[in-house]
Protein backbone atom coordinates (compact mmCIF):
# COMPACT_ATOMS: atom_id res chain seq x y z
CA UNK A 1 0.00 0.00 0.00
CA UNK A 2 1.41 3.32 -1.03
CA UNK A 3 1.19 6.15 1.49
CA UNK A 4 0.70 9.70 0.32
CA UNK A 5 1.67 12.84 2.11
CA UNK A 6 -1.36 14.67 3.43
CA UNK A 7 -1.71 18.30 2.52
CA UNK A 8 -3.26 20.22 5.38
CA UNK A 9 -2.28 23.60 3.96
CA UNK A 10 -2.31 23.59 0.19
CA UNK A 11 -0.98 27.08 -0.31
CA UNK A 12 2.78 26.62 -0.76
CA UNK A 13 3.41 30.38 -0.58
CA UNK A 14 1.83 30.42 2.87
CA UNK A 15 3.99 27.49 3.97
CA UNK A 16 7.12 29.24 2.70
CA UNK A 17 6.18 32.40 4.62
CA UNK A 18 5.78 30.45 7.86
CA UNK A 19 9.04 28.56 7.51
CA UNK A 20 10.99 31.60 6.32
CA UNK A 21 9.88 33.73 9.25
CA UNK A 22 11.02 31.17 11.81
CA UNK A 23 14.30 30.42 10.05
CA UNK A 24 15.19 34.09 9.65
CA UNK A 25 14.42 34.85 13.29
CA UNK A 26 16.49 31.89 14.51
CA UNK A 27 19.45 32.72 12.28
CA UNK A 28 19.48 36.39 13.23
CA UNK A 29 19.32 35.53 16.92
CA UNK A 30 22.11 33.01 16.56
CA UNK A 31 24.35 35.50 14.77
CA UNK A 32 23.57 38.24 17.27
CA UNK A 33 24.35 36.08 20.31
CA UNK A 34 27.60 34.84 18.76
CA UNK A 35 28.71 38.42 18.14
CA UNK A 36 27.77 39.46 21.68
CA UNK A 37 29.58 36.48 23.19
CA UNK A 38 32.76 37.11 21.21
CA UNK A 39 32.70 40.80 22.10
CA UNK A 40 32.26 40.14 25.82
CA UNK A 41 34.84 37.34 25.83
CA UNK A 42 37.44 39.54 24.16
CA UNK A 43 36.73 42.40 26.57
CA UNK A 44 37.15 40.04 29.52
CA UNK A 45 40.39 38.60 28.15
CA UNK A 46 41.73 42.07 27.41
CA UNK A 47 41.02 43.31 30.92
CA UNK A 48 42.65 40.23 32.45
CA UNK A 49 45.67 40.48 30.23
CA UNK A 50 46.56 43.84 31.79
CA UNK A 51 46.05 42.73 35.37
CA UNK A 52 48.89 40.31 36.04
CA UNK A 53 48.08 39.76 39.69
CA UNK A 54 45.27 37.26 38.82
CA UNK A 55 46.35 33.63 38.78
CA UNK A 56 44.31 31.72 36.17
CA UNK A 57 44.76 27.98 35.82
CA UNK A 58 42.45 27.41 32.80
CA UNK A 59 40.33 29.36 30.37
CA UNK A 60 37.26 27.59 31.76
CA UNK A 61 37.86 29.26 35.07
CA UNK A 62 37.94 32.59 33.26
CA UNK A 63 35.24 32.17 30.63
CA UNK A 64 32.94 29.59 32.26
CA UNK A 65 30.66 32.05 34.10
CA UNK A 66 30.60 34.41 31.13
CA UNK A 67 29.73 31.56 28.78
CA UNK A 68 26.88 30.41 31.05
CA UNK A 69 25.46 33.94 31.34
CA UNK A 70 25.58 34.48 27.58
CA UNK A 71 23.89 31.14 26.94
CA UNK A 72 21.10 31.97 29.39
CA UNK A 73 20.62 35.39 27.78
CA UNK A 74 20.74 33.75 24.33
CA UNK A 75 18.08 31.22 25.30
CA UNK A 76 15.76 33.86 26.75
CA UNK A 77 16.24 36.19 23.78
CA UNK A 78 15.62 33.50 21.16
CA UNK A 79 12.66 32.13 23.12
CA UNK A 80 11.11 35.60 23.38
CA UNK A 81 11.57 36.26 19.66
CA UNK A 82 10.14 32.87 18.72
CA UNK A 83 7.14 33.44 20.98
CA UNK A 84 6.57 36.88 19.45
CA UNK A 85 6.93 35.47 15.92
CA UNK A 86 4.63 32.56 16.73
CA UNK A 87 1.97 34.85 18.18
CA UNK A 88 2.23 37.13 15.14
CA UNK A 89 1.83 34.18 12.76
CA UNK A 90 -1.09 32.80 14.76
CA UNK A 91 -2.77 36.20 14.68
CA UNK A 92 -2.13 36.45 10.94
CA UNK A 93 -3.97 33.15 10.36
CA UNK A 94 -6.67 33.09 13.05
CA UNK A 95 -8.09 36.51 12.16
CA UNK A 96 -9.07 35.51 8.63
CA UNK A 97 -10.25 32.09 9.85
CA UNK A 98 -12.48 33.72 12.46
CA UNK A 99 -14.01 36.09 9.88
CA UNK A 100 -14.57 33.20 7.48
CA UNK A 101 -16.17 31.16 10.28
CA UNK A 102 -18.61 34.00 11.02
CA UNK A 103 -19.52 34.21 7.33
CA UNK A 104 -19.96 30.43 7.07
CA UNK A 105 -22.28 30.49 10.10
CA UNK A 106 -24.38 33.19 8.38
CA UNK A 107 -24.63 31.00 5.30
CA UNK A 108 -25.51 27.98 7.44
CA UNK A 109 -28.34 29.95 9.03
CA UNK A 110 -29.76 30.65 5.56
CA UNK A 111 -28.35 34.10 4.76
CA UNK A 112 -26.94 33.56 1.27
CA UNK A 113 -26.70 37.29 0.52
CA UNK A 114 -23.58 37.92 2.59
CA UNK A 115 -20.25 37.07 1.05
CA UNK A 116 -16.87 36.15 2.44
CA UNK A 117 -15.03 39.36 3.27
CA UNK A 118 -11.36 39.48 4.11
CA UNK A 119 -8.92 42.34 4.21
CA UNK A 120 -6.63 42.82 1.25
CA UNK A 121 -3.47 41.53 2.96
CA UNK A 122 -5.08 38.61 4.78
CA UNK A 123 -3.86 35.10 4.19
CA UNK A 124 -6.35 32.49 2.99
CA UNK A 125 -7.89 34.91 0.46
CA UNK A 126 -8.09 32.10 -2.09
CA UNK A 127 -10.07 29.93 0.30
CA UNK A 128 -12.45 32.79 1.08
CA UNK A 129 -12.87 33.48 -2.63
CA UNK A 130 -13.75 29.84 -3.32
CA UNK A 131 -16.20 29.74 -0.41
CA UNK A 132 -17.80 32.94 -1.69
CA UNK A 133 -18.12 31.43 -5.17
CA UNK A 134 -19.73 28.34 -3.65
CA UNK A 135 -22.28 30.45 -1.74
CA UNK A 136 -23.09 32.43 -4.90
CA UNK A 137 -23.62 29.24 -6.90
CA UNK A 138 -25.88 27.84 -4.16
CA UNK A 139 -27.91 31.06 -4.10
CA UNK A 140 -28.27 30.98 -7.90
CA UNK A 141 -29.45 27.35 -7.83
CA UNK A 142 -31.96 28.16 -5.06
CA UNK A 143 -33.71 30.78 -7.17
C-alpha atoms as a PDB file:
ATOM      1  CA  UNK A   1       0.000   0.000   0.000  1.00  0.00           C
ATOM      2  CA  UNK A   2       1.412   3.322  -1.030  1.00  0.00           C
ATOM      3  CA  UNK A   3       1.188   6.149   1.492  1.00  0.00           C
ATOM      4  CA  UNK A   4       0.700   9.698   0.316  1.00  0.00           C
ATOM      5  CA  UNK A   5       1.666  12.838   2.114  1.00  0.00           C
ATOM      6  CA  UNK A   6      -1.364  14.669   3.434  1.00  0.00           C
ATOM      7  CA  UNK A   7      -1.711  18.295   2.524  1.00  0.00           C
ATOM      8  CA  UNK A   8      -3.258  20.221   5.378  1.00  0.00           C
ATOM      9  CA  UNK A   9      -2.279  23.596   3.962  1.00  0.00           C
ATOM     10  CA  UNK A  10      -2.311  23.585   0.189  1.00  0.00           C
ATOM     11  CA  UNK A  11      -0.978  27.082  -0.312  1.00  0.00           C
ATOM     12  CA  UNK A  12       2.780  26.625  -0.758  1.00  0.00           C
ATOM     13  CA  UNK A  13       3.407  30.378  -0.578  1.00  0.00           C
ATOM     14  CA  UNK A  14       1.830  30.418   2.870  1.00  0.00           C
ATOM     15  CA  UNK A  15       3.988  27.494   3.974  1.00  0.00           C
ATOM     16  CA  UNK A  16       7.116  29.239   2.702  1.00  0.00           C
ATOM     17  CA  UNK A  17       6.185  32.402   4.617  1.00  0.00           C
ATOM     18  CA  UNK A  18       5.778  30.450   7.860  1.00  0.00           C
ATOM     19  CA  UNK A  19       9.041  28.558   7.509  1.00  0.00           C
ATOM     20  CA  UNK A  20      10.988  31.598   6.315  1.00  0.00           C
ATOM     21  CA  UNK A  21       9.881  33.734   9.245  1.00  0.00           C
ATOM     22  CA  UNK A  22      11.024  31.172  11.814  1.00  0.00           C
ATOM     23  CA  UNK A  23      14.301  30.423  10.049  1.00  0.00           C
ATOM     24  CA  UNK A  24      15.191  34.090   9.653  1.00  0.00           C
ATOM     25  CA  UNK A  25      14.420  34.851  13.294  1.00  0.00           C
ATOM     26  CA  UNK A  26      16.490  31.889  14.507  1.00  0.00           C
ATOM     27  CA  UNK A  27      19.453  32.721  12.281  1.00  0.00           C
ATOM     28  CA  UNK A  28      19.479  36.390  13.228  1.00  0.00           C
ATOM     29  CA  UNK A  29      19.320  35.534  16.924  1.00  0.00           C
ATOM     30  CA  UNK A  30      22.108  33.014  16.562  1.00  0.00           C
ATOM     31  CA  UNK A  31      24.354  35.500  14.769  1.00  0.00           C
ATOM     32  CA  UNK A  32      23.571  38.235  17.272  1.00  0.00           C
ATOM     33  CA  UNK A  33      24.351  36.079  20.309  1.00  0.00           C
ATOM     34  CA  UNK A  34      27.601  34.843  18.764  1.00  0.00           C
ATOM     35  CA  UNK A  35      28.714  38.419  18.144  1.00  0.00           C
ATOM     36  CA  UNK A  36      27.771  39.464  21.683  1.00  0.00           C
ATOM     37  CA  UNK A  37      29.575  36.479  23.191  1.00  0.00           C
ATOM     38  CA  UNK A  38      32.760  37.111  21.213  1.00  0.00           C
ATOM     39  CA  UNK A  39      32.698  40.804  22.097  1.00  0.00           C
ATOM     40  CA  UNK A  40      32.259  40.141  25.820  1.00  0.00           C
ATOM     41  CA  UNK A  41      34.843  37.336  25.831  1.00  0.00           C
ATOM     42  CA  UNK A  42      37.443  39.537  24.162  1.00  0.00           C
ATOM     43  CA  UNK A  43      36.725  42.396  26.569  1.00  0.00           C
ATOM     44  CA  UNK A  44      37.154  40.037  29.522  1.00  0.00           C
ATOM     45  CA  UNK A  45      40.390  38.596  28.148  1.00  0.00           C
ATOM     46  CA  UNK A  46      41.733  42.073  27.405  1.00  0.00           C
ATOM     47  CA  UNK A  47      41.021  43.307  30.916  1.00  0.00           C
ATOM     48  CA  UNK A  48      42.646  40.233  32.445  1.00  0.00           C
ATOM     49  CA  UNK A  49      45.672  40.485  30.231  1.00  0.00           C
ATOM     50  CA  UNK A  50      46.557  43.842  31.791  1.00  0.00           C
ATOM     51  CA  UNK A  51      46.046  42.732  35.373  1.00  0.00           C
ATOM     52  CA  UNK A  52      48.889  40.313  36.041  1.00  0.00           C
ATOM     53  CA  UNK A  53      48.076  39.764  39.691  1.00  0.00           C
ATOM     54  CA  UNK A  54      45.273  37.261  38.816  1.00  0.00           C
ATOM     55  CA  UNK A  55      46.351  33.630  38.784  1.00  0.00           C
ATOM     56  CA  UNK A  56      44.310  31.718  36.173  1.00  0.00           C
ATOM     57  CA  UNK A  57      44.762  27.978  35.816  1.00  0.00           C
ATOM     58  CA  UNK A  58      42.455  27.414  32.803  1.00  0.00           C
ATOM     59  CA  UNK A  59      40.331  29.359  30.370  1.00  0.00           C
ATOM     60  CA  UNK A  60      37.257  27.593  31.756  1.00  0.00           C
ATOM     61  CA  UNK A  61      37.862  29.263  35.070  1.00  0.00           C
ATOM     62  CA  UNK A  62      37.938  32.589  33.264  1.00  0.00           C
ATOM     63  CA  UNK A  63      35.235  32.174  30.627  1.00  0.00           C
ATOM     64  CA  UNK A  64      32.939  29.589  32.259  1.00  0.00           C
ATOM     65  CA  UNK A  65      30.665  32.047  34.104  1.00  0.00           C
ATOM     66  CA  UNK A  66      30.600  34.413  31.134  1.00  0.00           C
ATOM     67  CA  UNK A  67      29.727  31.558  28.781  1.00  0.00           C
ATOM     68  CA  UNK A  68      26.883  30.415  31.054  1.00  0.00           C
ATOM     69  CA  UNK A  69      25.458  33.937  31.341  1.00  0.00           C
ATOM     70  CA  UNK A  70      25.576  34.484  27.578  1.00  0.00           C
ATOM     71  CA  UNK A  71      23.893  31.139  26.936  1.00  0.00           C
ATOM     72  CA  UNK A  72      21.105  31.970  29.386  1.00  0.00           C
ATOM     73  CA  UNK A  73      20.620  35.389  27.782  1.00  0.00           C
ATOM     74  CA  UNK A  74      20.743  33.752  24.331  1.00  0.00           C
ATOM     75  CA  UNK A  75      18.077  31.219  25.302  1.00  0.00           C
ATOM     76  CA  UNK A  76      15.763  33.859  26.754  1.00  0.00           C
ATOM     77  CA  UNK A  77      16.241  36.193  23.783  1.00  0.00           C
ATOM     78  CA  UNK A  78      15.623  33.501  21.163  1.00  0.00           C
ATOM     79  CA  UNK A  79      12.660  32.127  23.122  1.00  0.00           C
ATOM     80  CA  UNK A  80      11.111  35.602  23.376  1.00  0.00           C
ATOM     81  CA  UNK A  81      11.566  36.256  19.657  1.00  0.00           C
ATOM     82  CA  UNK A  82      10.142  32.869  18.721  1.00  0.00           C
ATOM     83  CA  UNK A  83       7.136  33.444  20.979  1.00  0.00           C
ATOM     84  CA  UNK A  84       6.570  36.880  19.454  1.00  0.00           C
ATOM     85  CA  UNK A  85       6.929  35.468  15.924  1.00  0.00           C
ATOM     86  CA  UNK A  86       4.631  32.562  16.730  1.00  0.00           C
ATOM     87  CA  UNK A  87       1.975  34.846  18.175  1.00  0.00           C
ATOM     88  CA  UNK A  88       2.227  37.125  15.139  1.00  0.00           C
ATOM     89  CA  UNK A  89       1.834  34.180  12.764  1.00  0.00           C
ATOM     90  CA  UNK A  90      -1.094  32.800  14.765  1.00  0.00           C
ATOM     91  CA  UNK A  91      -2.775  36.201  14.681  1.00  0.00           C
ATOM     92  CA  UNK A  92      -2.130  36.448  10.944  1.00  0.00           C
ATOM     93  CA  UNK A  93      -3.968  33.148  10.358  1.00  0.00           C
ATOM     94  CA  UNK A  94      -6.674  33.093  13.048  1.00  0.00           C
ATOM     95  CA  UNK A  95      -8.087  36.510  12.161  1.00  0.00           C
ATOM     96  CA  UNK A  96      -9.072  35.511   8.626  1.00  0.00           C
ATOM     97  CA  UNK A  97     -10.247  32.095   9.845  1.00  0.00           C
ATOM     98  CA  UNK A  98     -12.479  33.716  12.457  1.00  0.00           C
ATOM     99  CA  UNK A  99     -14.008  36.094   9.882  1.00  0.00           C
ATOM    100  CA  UNK A 100     -14.569  33.201   7.483  1.00  0.00           C
ATOM    101  CA  UNK A 101     -16.169  31.160  10.283  1.00  0.00           C
ATOM    102  CA  UNK A 102     -18.607  34.002  11.024  1.00  0.00           C
ATOM    103  CA  UNK A 103     -19.523  34.212   7.333  1.00  0.00           C
ATOM    104  CA  UNK A 104     -19.965  30.427   7.071  1.00  0.00           C
ATOM    105  CA  UNK A 105     -22.281  30.494  10.104  1.00  0.00           C
ATOM    106  CA  UNK A 106     -24.380  33.191   8.384  1.00  0.00           C
ATOM    107  CA  UNK A 107     -24.627  31.000   5.302  1.00  0.00           C
ATOM    108  CA  UNK A 108     -25.511  27.977   7.442  1.00  0.00           C
ATOM    109  CA  UNK A 109     -28.341  29.953   9.034  1.00  0.00           C
ATOM    110  CA  UNK A 110     -29.761  30.648   5.563  1.00  0.00           C
ATOM    111  CA  UNK A 111     -28.347  34.098   4.763  1.00  0.00           C
ATOM    112  CA  UNK A 112     -26.944  33.565   1.270  1.00  0.00           C
ATOM    113  CA  UNK A 113     -26.699  37.287   0.525  1.00  0.00           C
ATOM    114  CA  UNK A 114     -23.581  37.918   2.586  1.00  0.00           C
ATOM    115  CA  UNK A 115     -20.252  37.066   1.049  1.00  0.00           C
ATOM    116  CA  UNK A 116     -16.867  36.152   2.437  1.00  0.00           C
ATOM    117  CA  UNK A 117     -15.035  39.357   3.266  1.00  0.00           C
ATOM    118  CA  UNK A 118     -11.355  39.475   4.109  1.00  0.00           C
ATOM    119  CA  UNK A 119      -8.919  42.341   4.214  1.00  0.00           C
ATOM    120  CA  UNK A 120      -6.628  42.819   1.246  1.00  0.00           C
ATOM    121  CA  UNK A 121      -3.466  41.526   2.960  1.00  0.00           C
ATOM    122  CA  UNK A 122      -5.085  38.606   4.780  1.00  0.00           C
ATOM    123  CA  UNK A 123      -3.865  35.103   4.195  1.00  0.00           C
ATOM    124  CA  UNK A 124      -6.351  32.488   2.992  1.00  0.00           C
ATOM    125  CA  UNK A 125      -7.887  34.913   0.462  1.00  0.00           C
ATOM    126  CA  UNK A 126      -8.087  32.101  -2.089  1.00  0.00           C
ATOM    127  CA  UNK A 127     -10.069  29.926   0.296  1.00  0.00           C
ATOM    128  CA  UNK A 128     -12.453  32.793   1.080  1.00  0.00           C
ATOM    129  CA  UNK A 129     -12.871  33.485  -2.628  1.00  0.00           C
ATOM    130  CA  UNK A 130     -13.751  29.837  -3.324  1.00  0.00           C
ATOM    131  CA  UNK A 131     -16.205  29.741  -0.411  1.00  0.00           C
ATOM    132  CA  UNK A 132     -17.804  32.936  -1.692  1.00  0.00           C
ATOM    133  CA  UNK A 133     -18.116  31.427  -5.171  1.00  0.00           C
ATOM    134  CA  UNK A 134     -19.730  28.342  -3.648  1.00  0.00           C
ATOM    135  CA  UNK A 135     -22.279  30.452  -1.742  1.00  0.00           C
ATOM    136  CA  UNK A 136     -23.088  32.426  -4.895  1.00  0.00           C
ATOM    137  CA  UNK A 137     -23.617  29.238  -6.900  1.00  0.00           C
ATOM    138  CA  UNK A 138     -25.880  27.842  -4.158  1.00  0.00           C
ATOM    139  CA  UNK A 139     -27.909  31.065  -4.095  1.00  0.00           C
ATOM    140  CA  UNK A 140     -28.272  30.981  -7.903  1.00  0.00           C
ATOM    141  CA  UNK A 141     -29.452  27.353  -7.828  1.00  0.00           C
ATOM    142  CA  UNK A 142     -31.964  28.156  -5.064  1.00  0.00           C
ATOM    143  CA  UNK A 143     -33.710  30.782  -7.169  1.00  0.00           C
END
